[in-house]
């Protein structure tokens, strides 16, 4: 997964913790790299990429963390932009 629009490296690391603790289908999450405002993650997810996207776009996640917009989905790779 690639997330664009993260404000800092600390924010990218915090997002890893959010995935691990608050996304039910994620078994493991690891920050691979962060450059400027773009973070790349290695996620082990129990399900399909579109299911993960649906979870990220639910009101609970938007209210507690951030709102996102899908930029691209290709195979098992999601690219989202934080609003």
N, C-alpha and C. Protein backbone atom coordinates (compact mmCIF):
# COMPACT_ATOMS: atom_id res chain seq x y z
N UNK A 1 0.83 -1.15 0.00
CA UNK A 1 0.00 0.00 0.00
C UNK A 1 0.89 1.23 0.00
N UNK A 2 0.47 2.23 -0.76
CA UNK A 2 1.14 3.52 -0.79
C UNK A 2 0.14 4.57 -0.33
N UNK A 3 0.57 5.39 0.63
CA UNK A 3 -0.27 6.47 1.12
C UNK A 3 0.44 7.79 0.83
N UNK A 4 -0.26 8.66 0.11
CA UNK A 4 0.27 9.98 -0.21
C UNK A 4 -0.37 11.02 0.70
N UNK A 5 0.40 12.02 1.06
CA UNK A 5 -0.14 13.12 1.85
C UNK A 5 0.12 13.03 3.34
N UNK A 6 0.96 12.11 3.76
CA UNK A 6 1.31 12.02 5.18
C UNK A 6 2.25 13.18 5.52
N UNK A 7 2.01 13.86 6.63
CA UNK A 7 2.77 15.08 6.93
C UNK A 7 4.22 14.85 7.36
N UNK A 8 4.54 13.67 7.90
CA UNK A 8 5.89 13.47 8.43
C UNK A 8 6.22 11.98 8.53
N UNK A 9 7.50 11.70 8.77
CA UNK A 9 7.93 10.32 8.99
C UNK A 9 7.27 9.76 10.25
N UNK A 10 7.15 10.59 11.28
CA UNK A 10 6.47 10.16 12.51
C UNK A 10 5.02 9.79 12.24
N UNK A 11 4.36 10.54 11.38
CA UNK A 11 2.98 10.24 10.99
C UNK A 11 2.89 8.92 10.24
N UNK A 12 3.90 8.64 9.42
CA UNK A 12 3.93 7.37 8.68
C UNK A 12 4.10 6.20 9.64
N UNK A 13 4.97 6.37 10.65
CA UNK A 13 5.16 5.31 11.65
C UNK A 13 3.89 5.12 12.48
N UNK A 14 3.24 6.23 12.82
CA UNK A 14 2.00 6.16 13.59
C UNK A 14 0.91 5.42 12.81
N UNK A 15 0.88 5.62 11.50
CA UNK A 15 -0.10 4.94 10.66
C UNK A 15 0.13 3.43 10.69
N UNK A 16 1.38 3.00 10.77
CA UNK A 16 1.69 1.57 10.91
C UNK A 16 1.03 1.02 12.17
N UNK A 17 1.16 1.76 13.28
CA UNK A 17 0.55 1.32 14.53
C UNK A 17 -0.98 1.29 14.43
N UNK A 18 -1.55 2.27 13.76
CA UNK A 18 -3.01 2.31 13.57
C UNK A 18 -3.46 1.07 12.81
N UNK A 19 -2.75 0.72 11.74
CA UNK A 19 -3.10 -0.47 10.98
C UNK A 19 -3.05 -1.72 11.86
N UNK A 20 -2.00 -1.86 12.63
CA UNK A 20 -1.83 -3.05 13.46
C UNK A 20 -2.90 -3.16 14.55
N UNK A 21 -3.27 -2.04 15.12
CA UNK A 21 -4.17 -2.06 16.26
C UNK A 21 -5.65 -1.93 15.91
N UNK A 22 -5.97 -1.24 14.83
CA UNK A 22 -7.37 -0.88 14.61
C UNK A 22 -7.98 -1.33 13.29
N UNK A 23 -7.26 -2.08 12.50
CA UNK A 23 -7.82 -2.65 11.28
C UNK A 23 -7.93 -4.15 11.46
N UNK A 24 -9.14 -4.64 11.50
CA UNK A 24 -9.38 -6.04 11.88
C UNK A 24 -8.72 -7.06 10.96
N UNK A 25 -8.64 -6.80 9.69
CA UNK A 25 -8.10 -7.78 8.76
C UNK A 25 -6.59 -7.75 8.60
N UNK A 26 -5.93 -6.75 9.17
CA UNK A 26 -4.49 -6.64 9.01
C UNK A 26 -3.79 -7.49 10.06
N UNK A 27 -2.99 -8.43 9.57
CA UNK A 27 -2.24 -9.33 10.44
C UNK A 27 -0.92 -8.67 10.85
N UNK A 28 -0.28 -7.98 9.90
CA UNK A 28 0.97 -7.30 10.18
C UNK A 28 1.11 -6.11 9.24
N UNK A 29 1.79 -5.07 9.70
CA UNK A 29 2.04 -3.88 8.90
C UNK A 29 3.46 -3.42 9.16
N UNK A 30 4.13 -3.02 8.08
CA UNK A 30 5.51 -2.58 8.21
C UNK A 30 5.74 -1.42 7.25
N UNK A 31 6.32 -0.34 7.76
CA UNK A 31 6.68 0.80 6.92
C UNK A 31 7.95 0.44 6.17
N UNK A 32 7.89 0.47 4.85
CA UNK A 32 9.05 0.13 4.03
C UNK A 32 9.90 1.37 3.77
N UNK A 33 9.24 2.47 3.35
CA UNK A 33 9.98 3.71 3.10
C UNK A 33 9.06 4.91 3.20
N UNK A 34 9.67 6.03 3.49
CA UNK A 34 8.95 7.30 3.54
C UNK A 34 9.83 8.35 2.87
N UNK A 35 9.25 9.06 1.91
CA UNK A 35 9.97 10.13 1.22
C UNK A 35 9.01 11.27 0.98
N UNK A 36 9.38 12.43 1.50
CA UNK A 36 8.55 13.64 1.46
C UNK A 36 7.21 13.35 2.12
N UNK A 37 6.14 13.20 1.38
CA UNK A 37 4.83 12.94 1.98
C UNK A 37 4.26 11.59 1.57
N UNK A 38 5.09 10.71 1.03
CA UNK A 38 4.62 9.43 0.51
C UNK A 38 5.24 8.28 1.32
N UNK A 39 4.38 7.41 1.82
CA UNK A 39 4.82 6.25 2.58
C UNK A 39 4.42 4.97 1.86
N UNK A 40 5.31 4.00 1.87
CA UNK A 40 5.02 2.68 1.30
C UNK A 40 5.04 1.66 2.42
N UNK A 41 3.99 0.84 2.46
CA UNK A 41 3.82 -0.15 3.52
C UNK A 41 3.75 -1.55 2.93
N UNK A 42 4.25 -2.49 3.71
CA UNK A 42 4.05 -3.91 3.43
C UNK A 42 2.99 -4.39 4.42
N UNK A 43 1.82 -4.75 3.90
CA UNK A 43 0.72 -5.19 4.76
C UNK A 43 0.41 -6.65 4.51
N UNK A 44 0.21 -7.37 5.58
CA UNK A 44 -0.32 -8.73 5.47
C UNK A 44 -1.78 -8.61 5.89
N UNK A 45 -2.66 -8.82 4.92
CA UNK A 45 -4.08 -8.57 5.12
C UNK A 45 -4.88 -9.83 4.83
N UNK A 46 -5.83 -10.11 5.68
CA UNK A 46 -6.72 -11.26 5.51
C UNK A 46 -7.92 -10.78 4.69
N UNK A 47 -7.83 -10.90 3.38
CA UNK A 47 -8.92 -10.45 2.52
C UNK A 47 -8.38 -9.88 1.22
N UNK A 48 -9.25 -9.17 0.52
CA UNK A 48 -8.92 -8.58 -0.78
C UNK A 48 -8.63 -7.09 -0.61
N UNK A 49 -7.85 -6.52 -1.53
CA UNK A 49 -7.54 -5.09 -1.43
C UNK A 49 -8.78 -4.18 -1.37
N UNK A 50 -9.82 -4.53 -2.12
CA UNK A 50 -11.03 -3.69 -2.10
C UNK A 50 -11.73 -3.76 -0.74
N UNK A 51 -11.59 -4.87 -0.01
CA UNK A 51 -12.15 -4.96 1.34
C UNK A 51 -11.40 -4.03 2.28
N UNK A 52 -10.08 -3.99 2.16
CA UNK A 52 -9.28 -3.09 2.98
C UNK A 52 -9.65 -1.64 2.67
N UNK A 53 -9.79 -1.33 1.41
CA UNK A 53 -10.18 0.02 1.02
C UNK A 53 -11.52 0.40 1.64
N UNK A 54 -12.48 -0.52 1.61
CA UNK A 54 -13.78 -0.25 2.23
C UNK A 54 -13.64 0.04 3.72
N UNK A 55 -12.79 -0.71 4.42
CA UNK A 55 -12.57 -0.47 5.84
C UNK A 55 -11.98 0.91 6.07
N UNK A 56 -11.01 1.29 5.24
CA UNK A 56 -10.36 2.59 5.40
C UNK A 56 -11.32 3.75 5.12
N UNK A 57 -12.34 3.50 4.31
CA UNK A 57 -13.28 4.57 3.95
C UNK A 57 -14.54 4.57 4.81
N UNK A 58 -14.60 3.70 5.81
CA UNK A 58 -15.74 3.69 6.72
C UNK A 58 -15.68 4.92 7.63
N UNK A 59 -16.84 5.34 8.11
CA UNK A 59 -16.90 6.55 8.92
C UNK A 59 -16.08 6.45 10.20
N UNK A 60 -15.99 5.26 10.81
CA UNK A 60 -15.19 5.10 12.02
C UNK A 60 -13.74 5.50 11.77
N UNK A 61 -13.17 4.98 10.70
CA UNK A 61 -11.77 5.27 10.39
C UNK A 61 -11.59 6.74 10.03
N UNK A 62 -12.51 7.29 9.24
CA UNK A 62 -12.44 8.70 8.85
C UNK A 62 -12.50 9.61 10.07
N UNK A 63 -13.38 9.30 10.99
CA UNK A 63 -13.57 10.14 12.18
C UNK A 63 -12.36 10.07 13.11
N UNK A 64 -11.80 8.90 13.31
CA UNK A 64 -10.72 8.72 14.27
C UNK A 64 -9.32 8.97 13.72
N UNK A 65 -9.12 8.81 12.40
CA UNK A 65 -7.77 8.89 11.87
C UNK A 65 -7.65 9.84 10.68
N UNK A 66 -8.07 9.41 9.51
CA UNK A 66 -7.98 10.28 8.34
C UNK A 66 -8.96 9.82 7.27
N UNK A 67 -9.28 10.75 6.39
CA UNK A 67 -10.13 10.43 5.25
C UNK A 67 -9.23 10.22 4.04
N UNK A 68 -9.55 9.23 3.24
CA UNK A 68 -8.69 8.92 2.10
C UNK A 68 -9.50 8.80 0.82
N UNK A 69 -8.77 8.96 -0.28
CA UNK A 69 -9.36 8.83 -1.61
C UNK A 69 -8.49 7.86 -2.41
N UNK A 70 -9.13 6.92 -3.07
CA UNK A 70 -8.41 5.95 -3.89
C UNK A 70 -7.84 6.64 -5.13
N UNK A 71 -6.54 6.43 -5.36
CA UNK A 71 -5.91 6.92 -6.59
C UNK A 71 -5.75 5.79 -7.59
N UNK A 72 -5.40 4.59 -7.08
CA UNK A 72 -5.17 3.47 -7.99
C UNK A 72 -5.24 2.17 -7.21
N UNK A 73 -5.75 1.15 -7.87
CA UNK A 73 -5.72 -0.20 -7.32
C UNK A 73 -5.30 -1.11 -8.47
N UNK A 74 -4.26 -1.89 -8.23
CA UNK A 74 -3.74 -2.77 -9.26
C UNK A 74 -3.25 -4.05 -8.59
N UNK A 75 -3.95 -5.13 -8.82
CA UNK A 75 -3.59 -6.38 -8.16
C UNK A 75 -3.75 -6.24 -6.66
N UNK A 76 -2.66 -6.44 -5.94
CA UNK A 76 -2.68 -6.31 -4.47
C UNK A 76 -2.12 -4.97 -4.01
N UNK A 77 -1.99 -4.02 -4.89
CA UNK A 77 -1.38 -2.73 -4.54
C UNK A 77 -2.43 -1.62 -4.55
N UNK A 78 -2.57 -0.96 -3.39
CA UNK A 78 -3.47 0.19 -3.24
C UNK A 78 -2.64 1.45 -3.18
N UNK A 79 -3.10 2.49 -3.86
CA UNK A 79 -2.51 3.81 -3.71
C UNK A 79 -3.63 4.75 -3.30
N UNK A 80 -3.48 5.35 -2.10
CA UNK A 80 -4.51 6.26 -1.63
C UNK A 80 -3.88 7.61 -1.28
N UNK A 81 -4.72 8.62 -1.33
CA UNK A 81 -4.33 10.00 -1.00
C UNK A 81 -5.12 10.41 0.24
N UNK A 82 -4.42 10.94 1.23
CA UNK A 82 -5.10 11.46 2.41
C UNK A 82 -5.66 12.83 2.08
N UNK A 83 -6.91 13.03 2.44
CA UNK A 83 -7.54 14.33 2.19
C UNK A 83 -7.24 15.30 3.30
